[in-house]
C-alpha cells in the first residue's frame, strides 16, 4: 500500500486489510507524540528523583557529621562537669 499526501488511494477501492493498515498507521502516528511525552515525563521524574536523592544523601551526611560533633561536645561537657565537681569537693575540704 503506497499512501502519500499526493497519491492517496480511494477508500472505496481499498481492501479490508488496506483499510486496517491505514487505520493502524494513523493510530501509530497519533500515539508517537503521546509515547514521546510519556517517556520525557518519566525521564524528568527520574531526574528529579535522582536530584532529590542526592540532596537527601548530602543532608544525611551533614547530619551525621553534626551529630558526631554534638556527641563530642557533650563528652567534653561531661568531662568539664566532673572536673568542676572535683574542684568543688577540694574547695570544700580546704
N, C-alpha and C. Protein backbone atom coordinates (compact mmCIF):
# COMPACT_ATOMS: atom_id res chain seq x y z
N UNK A 1 0.85 -1.17 0.00
CA UNK A 1 0.00 0.00 0.00
C UNK A 1 0.90 1.24 0.00
N UNK A 2 0.67 2.12 -0.93
CA UNK A 2 1.53 3.31 -1.03
C UNK A 2 0.70 4.56 -0.85
N UNK A 3 0.40 4.88 0.38
CA UNK A 3 -0.33 6.11 0.68
C UNK A 3 0.66 7.24 0.84
N UNK A 4 0.40 8.33 0.20
CA UNK A 4 1.18 9.54 0.39
C UNK A 4 0.22 10.70 0.25
N UNK A 5 0.60 11.87 0.69
CA UNK A 5 -0.31 13.00 0.56
C UNK A 5 -0.69 13.29 -0.89
N UNK A 6 0.17 12.88 -1.81
CA UNK A 6 -0.09 13.16 -3.23
C UNK A 6 -0.94 12.07 -3.86
N UNK A 7 -0.69 10.80 -3.51
CA UNK A 7 -1.34 9.67 -4.16
C UNK A 7 -2.09 8.83 -3.15
N UNK A 8 -3.20 9.33 -2.65
CA UNK A 8 -3.98 8.59 -1.66
C UNK A 8 -4.99 7.73 -2.40
N UNK A 9 -4.97 6.45 -2.08
CA UNK A 9 -5.93 5.54 -2.70
C UNK A 9 -7.34 5.91 -2.25
N UNK A 10 -8.26 5.69 -3.06
CA UNK A 10 -9.65 5.88 -2.69
C UNK A 10 -10.02 4.78 -1.70
N UNK A 11 -10.65 5.17 -0.62
CA UNK A 11 -11.03 4.19 0.40
C UNK A 11 -11.95 3.14 -0.19
N UNK A 12 -12.76 3.54 -1.14
CA UNK A 12 -13.70 2.59 -1.76
C UNK A 12 -12.97 1.48 -2.51
N UNK A 13 -11.77 1.78 -3.00
CA UNK A 13 -11.04 0.77 -3.76
C UNK A 13 -10.09 -0.06 -2.89
N UNK A 14 -10.02 0.27 -1.60
CA UNK A 14 -9.11 -0.45 -0.69
C UNK A 14 -9.75 -1.75 -0.22
N UNK A 15 -8.88 -2.71 0.06
CA UNK A 15 -9.34 -3.95 0.67
C UNK A 15 -9.49 -3.71 2.17
N UNK A 16 -10.13 -4.63 2.83
CA UNK A 16 -10.27 -4.51 4.28
C UNK A 16 -8.91 -4.46 4.96
N UNK A 17 -7.97 -5.26 4.48
CA UNK A 17 -6.61 -5.25 5.05
C UNK A 17 -5.95 -3.90 4.84
N UNK A 18 -6.15 -3.29 3.65
CA UNK A 18 -5.58 -1.97 3.39
C UNK A 18 -6.16 -0.92 4.33
N UNK A 19 -7.49 -1.00 4.54
CA UNK A 19 -8.15 -0.04 5.45
C UNK A 19 -7.63 -0.23 6.87
N UNK A 20 -7.51 -1.47 7.31
CA UNK A 20 -6.99 -1.74 8.65
C UNK A 20 -5.56 -1.22 8.79
N UNK A 21 -4.76 -1.42 7.75
CA UNK A 21 -3.38 -0.94 7.78
C UNK A 21 -3.35 0.58 7.84
N UNK A 22 -4.23 1.23 7.08
CA UNK A 22 -4.29 2.69 7.08
C UNK A 22 -4.69 3.20 8.46
N UNK A 23 -5.71 2.60 9.06
CA UNK A 23 -6.15 3.00 10.40
C UNK A 23 -5.03 2.75 11.42
N UNK A 24 -4.36 1.62 11.29
CA UNK A 24 -3.25 1.30 12.19
C UNK A 24 -2.15 2.36 12.08
N UNK A 25 -1.80 2.73 10.86
CA UNK A 25 -0.76 3.75 10.66
C UNK A 25 -1.17 5.09 11.23
N UNK A 26 -2.45 5.43 11.06
CA UNK A 26 -2.94 6.70 11.62
C UNK A 26 -2.85 6.66 13.14
N UNK A 27 -3.25 5.54 13.75
CA UNK A 27 -3.15 5.40 15.21
C UNK A 27 -1.71 5.50 15.68
N UNK A 28 -0.82 4.84 14.97
CA UNK A 28 0.60 4.87 15.36
C UNK A 28 1.16 6.28 15.28
N UNK A 29 0.81 7.01 14.22
CA UNK A 29 1.29 8.40 14.09
C UNK A 29 0.73 9.25 15.22
N UNK A 30 -0.53 9.02 15.59
CA UNK A 30 -1.14 9.78 16.68
C UNK A 30 -0.52 9.42 18.02
N UNK A 31 -0.17 8.16 18.23
CA UNK A 31 0.35 7.71 19.52
C UNK A 31 1.82 8.06 19.72
N UNK A 32 2.58 8.26 18.67
CA UNK A 32 4.01 8.54 18.82
C UNK A 32 4.27 9.77 19.69
N UNK A 33 3.62 10.91 19.42
CA UNK A 33 3.87 12.06 20.31
C UNK A 33 3.45 11.79 21.76
N UNK A 34 2.40 11.00 21.94
CA UNK A 34 1.96 10.67 23.29
C UNK A 34 3.01 9.81 23.99
N UNK A 35 3.55 8.82 23.28
CA UNK A 35 4.60 7.98 23.87
C UNK A 35 5.85 8.81 24.16
N UNK A 36 6.18 9.71 23.23
CA UNK A 36 7.34 10.58 23.45
C UNK A 36 7.14 11.45 24.69
N UNK A 37 5.93 12.01 24.84
CA UNK A 37 5.62 12.84 26.00
C UNK A 37 5.74 12.02 27.29
N UNK A 38 5.17 10.83 27.27
CA UNK A 38 5.24 9.97 28.46
C UNK A 38 6.67 9.61 28.80
N UNK A 39 7.47 9.33 27.78
CA UNK A 39 8.88 8.99 28.00
C UNK A 39 9.63 10.18 28.60
N UNK A 40 9.41 11.37 28.04
CA UNK A 40 10.08 12.57 28.55
C UNK A 40 9.62 12.89 29.97
N UNK A 41 8.34 12.68 30.25
CA UNK A 41 7.82 12.91 31.59
C UNK A 41 8.48 11.95 32.58
N UNK A 42 8.63 10.70 32.19
CA UNK A 42 9.28 9.72 33.06
C UNK A 42 10.76 10.07 33.26
N UNK A 43 11.42 10.50 32.20
CA UNK A 43 12.83 10.89 32.32
C UNK A 43 12.96 12.08 33.27
N UNK A 44 12.04 13.03 33.17
CA UNK A 44 12.08 14.21 34.04
C UNK A 44 11.84 13.78 35.49
N UNK A 45 10.87 12.88 35.69
CA UNK A 45 10.57 12.40 37.04
C UNK A 45 11.79 11.71 37.65
N UNK A 46 12.46 10.87 36.82
CA UNK A 46 13.64 10.16 37.32
C UNK A 46 14.78 11.13 37.64
N UNK A 47 14.94 12.15 36.78
CA UNK A 47 15.99 13.14 37.03
C UNK A 47 15.70 13.91 38.32
N UNK A 48 14.43 14.27 38.52
CA UNK A 48 14.05 14.97 39.74
C UNK A 48 14.28 14.08 40.95
N UNK A 49 13.88 12.82 40.85
CA UNK A 49 14.06 11.88 41.96
C UNK A 49 15.55 11.72 42.27
N UNK A 50 16.37 11.59 41.22
CA UNK A 50 17.81 11.44 41.43
C UNK A 50 18.39 12.67 42.12
N UNK A 51 17.95 13.85 41.68
CA UNK A 51 18.42 15.09 42.30
C UNK A 51 18.01 15.17 43.76
N UNK A 52 16.78 14.79 44.04
CA UNK A 52 16.31 14.81 45.43
C UNK A 52 17.05 13.78 46.27
N UNK A 53 17.32 12.61 45.69
CA UNK A 53 18.06 11.59 46.44
C UNK A 53 19.48 12.07 46.75
N UNK A 54 20.10 12.77 45.80
CA UNK A 54 21.44 13.32 46.05
C UNK A 54 21.39 14.34 47.18
N UNK A 55 20.37 15.21 47.15
CA UNK A 55 20.22 16.20 48.21
C UNK A 55 20.00 15.52 49.56
N UNK A 56 19.18 14.48 49.55
CA UNK A 56 18.89 13.75 50.79
C UNK A 56 20.17 13.11 51.33
N UNK A 57 20.93 12.46 50.45
CA UNK A 57 22.18 11.83 50.88
C UNK A 57 23.14 12.85 51.46
N UNK A 58 23.22 14.02 50.83
CA UNK A 58 24.11 15.06 51.33
C UNK A 58 23.65 15.54 52.71
N UNK A 59 22.34 15.72 52.87
CA UNK A 59 21.82 16.17 54.16
C UNK A 59 22.05 15.12 55.25
N UNK A 60 21.89 13.84 54.90
CA UNK A 60 22.16 12.76 55.87
C UNK A 60 23.62 12.79 56.29
N UNK A 61 24.51 12.97 55.32
CA UNK A 61 25.94 13.02 55.62
C UNK A 61 26.26 14.20 56.55
N UNK A 62 25.68 15.37 56.25
CA UNK A 62 25.90 16.54 57.10
C UNK A 62 25.33 16.31 58.50
N UNK A 63 24.15 15.67 58.57
CA UNK A 63 23.52 15.37 59.85
C UNK A 63 24.43 14.47 60.69
N UNK A 64 24.98 13.45 60.06
CA UNK A 64 25.85 12.51 60.78
C UNK A 64 27.08 13.24 61.32
N UNK A 65 27.67 14.13 60.52
CA UNK A 65 28.84 14.89 60.99
C UNK A 65 28.46 15.80 62.15
N UNK A 66 27.33 16.47 62.04
CA UNK A 66 26.90 17.37 63.10
C UNK A 66 26.56 16.59 64.37
N UNK A 67 25.97 15.43 64.22
CA UNK A 67 25.67 14.58 65.36
C UNK A 67 26.95 14.15 66.06
N UNK A 68 27.96 13.79 65.28
CA UNK A 68 29.25 13.40 65.86
C UNK A 68 29.87 14.57 66.63
N UNK A 69 29.80 15.78 66.05
CA UNK A 69 30.33 16.96 66.75
C UNK A 69 29.55 17.21 68.04
N UNK A 70 28.23 17.04 67.97
CA UNK A 70 27.42 17.23 69.18
C UNK A 70 27.78 16.21 70.24
N UNK A 71 28.01 14.96 69.84
CA UNK A 71 28.40 13.92 70.81
C UNK A 71 29.74 14.26 71.46
N UNK A 72 30.68 14.74 70.65
CA UNK A 72 31.98 15.13 71.21
C UNK A 72 31.81 16.30 72.19
N UNK A 73 30.93 17.26 71.84
CA UNK A 73 30.70 18.41 72.72
C UNK A 73 30.08 17.95 74.05
N UNK A 74 29.14 17.02 73.98
CA UNK A 74 28.52 16.51 75.21
C UNK A 74 29.56 15.78 76.05
N UNK A 75 30.44 15.00 75.40
CA UNK A 75 31.51 14.31 76.14
C UNK A 75 32.41 15.32 76.85
N UNK A 76 32.76 16.41 76.17
CA UNK A 76 33.60 17.44 76.79
C UNK A 76 32.88 18.10 77.96
N UNK A 77 31.57 18.34 77.79
CA UNK A 77 30.80 18.93 78.90
C UNK A 77 30.78 18.00 80.11
N UNK A 78 30.62 16.72 79.87
CA UNK A 78 30.63 15.76 80.98
C UNK A 78 31.98 15.75 81.67
N UNK A 79 33.06 15.78 80.90
CA UNK A 79 34.40 15.83 81.49
C UNK A 79 34.57 17.10 82.31
N UNK A 80 34.12 18.23 81.76
CA UNK A 80 34.24 19.51 82.46
C UNK A 80 33.42 19.47 83.75
N UNK A 81 32.25 18.88 83.70
CA UNK A 81 31.40 18.78 84.89
C UNK A 81 32.09 17.96 85.98
N UNK A 82 32.73 16.87 85.60
CA UNK A 82 33.46 16.03 86.57
C UNK A 82 34.60 16.82 87.22
N UNK A 83 35.33 17.57 86.39
CA UNK A 83 36.43 18.39 86.93
C UNK A 83 35.91 19.45 87.90
N UNK A 84 34.78 20.08 87.53
CA UNK A 84 34.20 21.10 88.42
C UNK A 84 33.76 20.49 89.75
N UNK A 85 33.16 19.32 89.72
CA UNK A 85 32.74 18.66 90.97
C UNK A 85 33.96 18.32 91.83
N UNK A 86 35.00 17.85 91.16
CA UNK A 86 36.22 17.51 91.90
C UNK A 86 36.82 18.75 92.55
N UNK A 87 36.84 19.85 91.80
CA UNK A 87 37.37 21.08 92.36
C UNK A 87 36.49 21.60 93.50
N UNK A 88 35.18 21.50 93.33
CA UNK A 88 34.25 21.93 94.41
C UNK A 88 34.51 21.11 95.68
N UNK A 89 34.73 19.79 95.51
CA UNK A 89 35.00 18.95 96.68
C UNK A 89 36.32 19.34 97.35
N UNK A 90 37.31 19.67 96.52
CA UNK A 90 38.61 20.09 97.09
C UNK A 90 38.45 21.42 97.84
N UNK A 91 37.65 22.31 97.24
CA UNK A 91 37.43 23.62 97.89
C UNK A 91 36.72 23.42 99.24
N UNK A 92 35.76 22.52 99.25
CA UNK A 92 35.01 22.25 100.49
C UNK A 92 35.89 21.65 101.56
N UNK A 93 36.91 20.88 101.15
CA UNK A 93 37.83 20.27 102.11
C UNK A 93 38.84 21.27 102.67
N UNK A 94 39.03 22.38 102.02
CA UNK A 94 40.05 23.34 102.48
C UNK A 94 39.51 24.24 103.53
